[in-house]
């Protein structure tokens, strides 16, 4: 039985060494991680700010699109006004005689 107990303690000691080795490996992987995360956060913007910027850009695009459509509508109307006036003048001239 003494042999079994010694073997059990040996296995526990080996398991503890392996666990310590694994902890050391994980800590090594985490070393400097806070600095990397801080760097990423320093060079990024929060989602809320990004969404607000996108909304502002969408609003500006809507304003410009509305203005463009109005301007195009006026330009189209200005193209047809001389023709309408000319046809009206001819019609008046024809029906007046």
C-alpha atoms as a PDB file:
ATOM      1  CA  UNK A   1       0.000   0.000   0.000  1.00  0.00           C
ATOM      2  CA  UNK A   2       2.930   2.307   0.738  1.00  0.00           C
ATOM      3  CA  UNK A   3       3.973   1.923  -2.888  1.00  0.00           C
ATOM      4  CA  UNK A   4       0.501   2.949  -4.092  1.00  0.00           C
ATOM      5  CA  UNK A   5       0.502   6.042  -1.882  1.00  0.00           C
ATOM      6  CA  UNK A   6       3.972   7.081  -3.108  1.00  0.00           C
ATOM      7  CA  UNK A   7       2.890   6.586  -6.732  1.00  0.00           C
ATOM      8  CA  UNK A   8      -0.234   8.640  -6.094  1.00  0.00           C
ATOM      9  CA  UNK A   9       1.811  11.494  -4.597  1.00  0.00           C
ATOM     10  CA  UNK A  10       4.226  11.285  -7.513  1.00  0.00           C
ATOM     11  CA  UNK A  11       1.315  11.576  -9.959  1.00  0.00           C
ATOM     12  CA  UNK A  12      -0.114  14.538  -8.020  1.00  0.00           C
ATOM     13  CA  UNK A  13       3.284  16.254  -8.056  1.00  0.00           C
ATOM     14  CA  UNK A  14       3.592  15.637 -11.813  1.00  0.00           C
ATOM     15  CA  UNK A  15       0.067  17.002 -12.373  1.00  0.00           C
ATOM     16  CA  UNK A  16       0.920  20.113 -10.349  1.00  0.00           C
ATOM     17  CA  UNK A  17       4.099  20.658 -12.397  1.00  0.00           C
ATOM     18  CA  UNK A  18       2.147  20.311 -15.633  1.00  0.00           C
ATOM     19  CA  UNK A  19      -0.515  22.679 -14.339  1.00  0.00           C
ATOM     20  CA  UNK A  20       2.132  25.227 -13.321  1.00  0.00           C
ATOM     21  CA  UNK A  21       3.739  24.922 -16.763  1.00  0.00           C
ATOM     22  CA  UNK A  22       0.365  25.523 -18.419  1.00  0.00           C
ATOM     23  CA  UNK A  23      -0.328  28.530 -16.185  1.00  0.00           C
ATOM     24  CA  UNK A  24       3.088  29.961 -17.089  1.00  0.00           C
ATOM     25  CA  UNK A  25       2.349  29.494 -20.809  1.00  0.00           C
ATOM     26  CA  UNK A  26      -1.034  31.208 -20.502  1.00  0.00           C
ATOM     27  CA  UNK A  27       0.429  34.097 -18.507  1.00  0.00           C
ATOM     28  CA  UNK A  28       3.136  34.501 -21.133  1.00  0.00           C
ATOM     29  CA  UNK A  29       0.400  34.710 -23.822  1.00  0.00           C
ATOM     30  CA  UNK A  30      -1.436  37.324 -21.758  1.00  0.00           C
ATOM     31  CA  UNK A  31       1.687  39.374 -21.066  1.00  0.00           C
ATOM     32  CA  UNK A  32       1.300  42.686 -22.859  1.00  0.00           C
ATOM     33  CA  UNK A  33      -2.318  41.976 -23.769  1.00  0.00           C
ATOM     34  CA  UNK A  34      -3.594  44.965 -21.811  1.00  0.00           C
ATOM     35  CA  UNK A  35      -1.256  47.233 -23.786  1.00  0.00           C
ATOM     36  CA  UNK A  36      -2.468  45.760 -27.066  1.00  0.00           C
ATOM     37  CA  UNK A  37      -6.103  46.211 -26.053  1.00  0.00           C
ATOM     38  CA  UNK A  38      -5.442  49.791 -24.919  1.00  0.00           C
ATOM     39  CA  UNK A  39      -3.807  50.504 -28.300  1.00  0.00           C
ATOM     40  CA  UNK A  40      -6.791  49.070 -30.172  1.00  0.00           C
ATOM     41  CA  UNK A  41      -9.212  51.119 -28.087  1.00  0.00           C
ATOM     42  CA  UNK A  42      -7.133  54.275 -28.615  1.00  0.00           C
ATOM     43  CA  UNK A  43      -7.424  53.832 -32.375  1.00  0.00           C
ATOM     44  CA  UNK A  44     -11.116  52.985 -32.555  1.00  0.00           C
ATOM     45  CA  UNK A  45     -14.363  54.818 -31.961  1.00  0.00           C
ATOM     46  CA  UNK A  46     -17.364  53.637 -29.976  1.00  0.00           C
ATOM     47  CA  UNK A  47     -20.277  52.165 -31.910  1.00  0.00           C
ATOM     48  CA  UNK A  48     -22.642  54.926 -30.727  1.00  0.00           C
ATOM     49  CA  UNK A  49     -20.409  57.662 -32.140  1.00  0.00           C
ATOM     50  CA  UNK A  50     -20.034  55.783 -35.423  1.00  0.00           C
ATOM     51  CA  UNK A  51     -23.813  55.325 -35.732  1.00  0.00           C
ATOM     52  CA  UNK A  52     -24.351  59.023 -34.978  1.00  0.00           C
ATOM     53  CA  UNK A  53     -21.827  59.965 -37.687  1.00  0.00           C
ATOM     54  CA  UNK A  54     -23.585  57.668 -40.180  1.00  0.00           C
ATOM     55  CA  UNK A  55     -26.960  59.231 -39.314  1.00  0.00           C
ATOM     56  CA  UNK A  56     -25.551  62.743 -39.807  1.00  0.00           C
ATOM     57  CA  UNK A  57     -24.098  61.737 -43.170  1.00  0.00           C
ATOM     58  CA  UNK A  58     -27.431  60.176 -44.204  1.00  0.00           C
ATOM     59  CA  UNK A  59     -29.223  63.395 -43.232  1.00  0.00           C
ATOM     60  CA  UNK A  60     -26.792  65.460 -45.296  1.00  0.00           C
ATOM     61  CA  UNK A  61     -27.192  63.106 -48.248  1.00  0.00           C
ATOM     62  CA  UNK A  62     -30.981  63.454 -47.982  1.00  0.00           C
ATOM     63  CA  UNK A  63     -30.705  67.259 -47.934  1.00  0.00           C
ATOM     64  CA  UNK A  64     -28.392  67.281 -50.945  1.00  0.00           C
ATOM     65  CA  UNK A  65     -30.539  64.776 -52.843  1.00  0.00           C
ATOM     66  CA  UNK A  66     -33.674  66.838 -52.208  1.00  0.00           C
ATOM     67  CA  UNK A  67     -31.882  70.001 -53.321  1.00  0.00           C
ATOM     68  CA  UNK A  68     -30.538  68.248 -56.441  1.00  0.00           C
ATOM     69  CA  UNK A  69     -33.993  66.975 -57.375  1.00  0.00           C
ATOM     70  CA  UNK A  70     -35.471  70.457 -56.943  1.00  0.00           C
ATOM     71  CA  UNK A  71     -32.714  72.026 -59.039  1.00  0.00           C
ATOM     72  CA  UNK A  72     -33.124  69.392 -61.747  1.00  0.00           C
ATOM     73  CA  UNK A  73     -36.869  69.974 -61.709  1.00  0.00           C
ATOM     74  CA  UNK A  74     -36.359  73.726 -62.152  1.00  0.00           C
ATOM     75  CA  UNK A  75     -33.877  73.149 -64.957  1.00  0.00           C
ATOM     76  CA  UNK A  76     -36.331  70.868 -66.740  1.00  0.00           C
ATOM     77  CA  UNK A  77     -39.084  73.436 -66.339  1.00  0.00           C
ATOM     78  CA  UNK A  78     -36.796  76.184 -67.620  1.00  0.00           C
ATOM     79  CA  UNK A  79     -36.082  74.100 -70.712  1.00  0.00           C
ATOM     80  CA  UNK A  80     -39.782  73.745 -71.526  1.00  0.00           C
ATOM     81  CA  UNK A  81     -40.929  77.309 -70.716  1.00  0.00           C
ATOM     82  CA  UNK A  82     -39.629  78.882 -73.965  1.00  0.00           C
ATOM     83  CA  UNK A  83     -41.263  76.144 -76.030  1.00  0.00           C
ATOM     84  CA  UNK A  84     -44.571  76.499 -74.209  1.00  0.00           C
ATOM     85  CA  UNK A  85     -44.492  80.267 -74.668  1.00  0.00           C
ATOM     86  CA  UNK A  86     -43.607  79.901 -78.345  1.00  0.00           C
ATOM     87  CA  UNK A  87     -46.444  77.439 -78.963  1.00  0.00           C
ATOM     88  CA  UNK A  88     -48.834  79.681 -77.041  1.00  0.00           C
ATOM     89  CA  UNK A  89     -47.755  82.717 -79.076  1.00  0.00           C
ATOM     90  CA  UNK A  90     -48.223  80.812 -82.345  1.00  0.00           C
ATOM     91  CA  UNK A  91     -51.626  79.557 -81.201  1.00  0.00           C
ATOM     92  CA  UNK A  92     -52.716  83.104 -80.277  1.00  0.00           C
ATOM     93  CA  UNK A  93     -51.411  84.407 -83.604  1.00  0.00           C
ATOM     94  CA  UNK A  94     -53.266  81.696 -85.568  1.00  0.00           C
ATOM     95  CA  UNK A  95     -56.551  82.042 -83.702  1.00  0.00           C
ATOM     96  CA  UNK A  96     -56.393  85.860 -83.670  1.00  0.00           C
ATOM     97  CA  UNK A  97     -56.507  86.095 -87.487  1.00  0.00           C
END
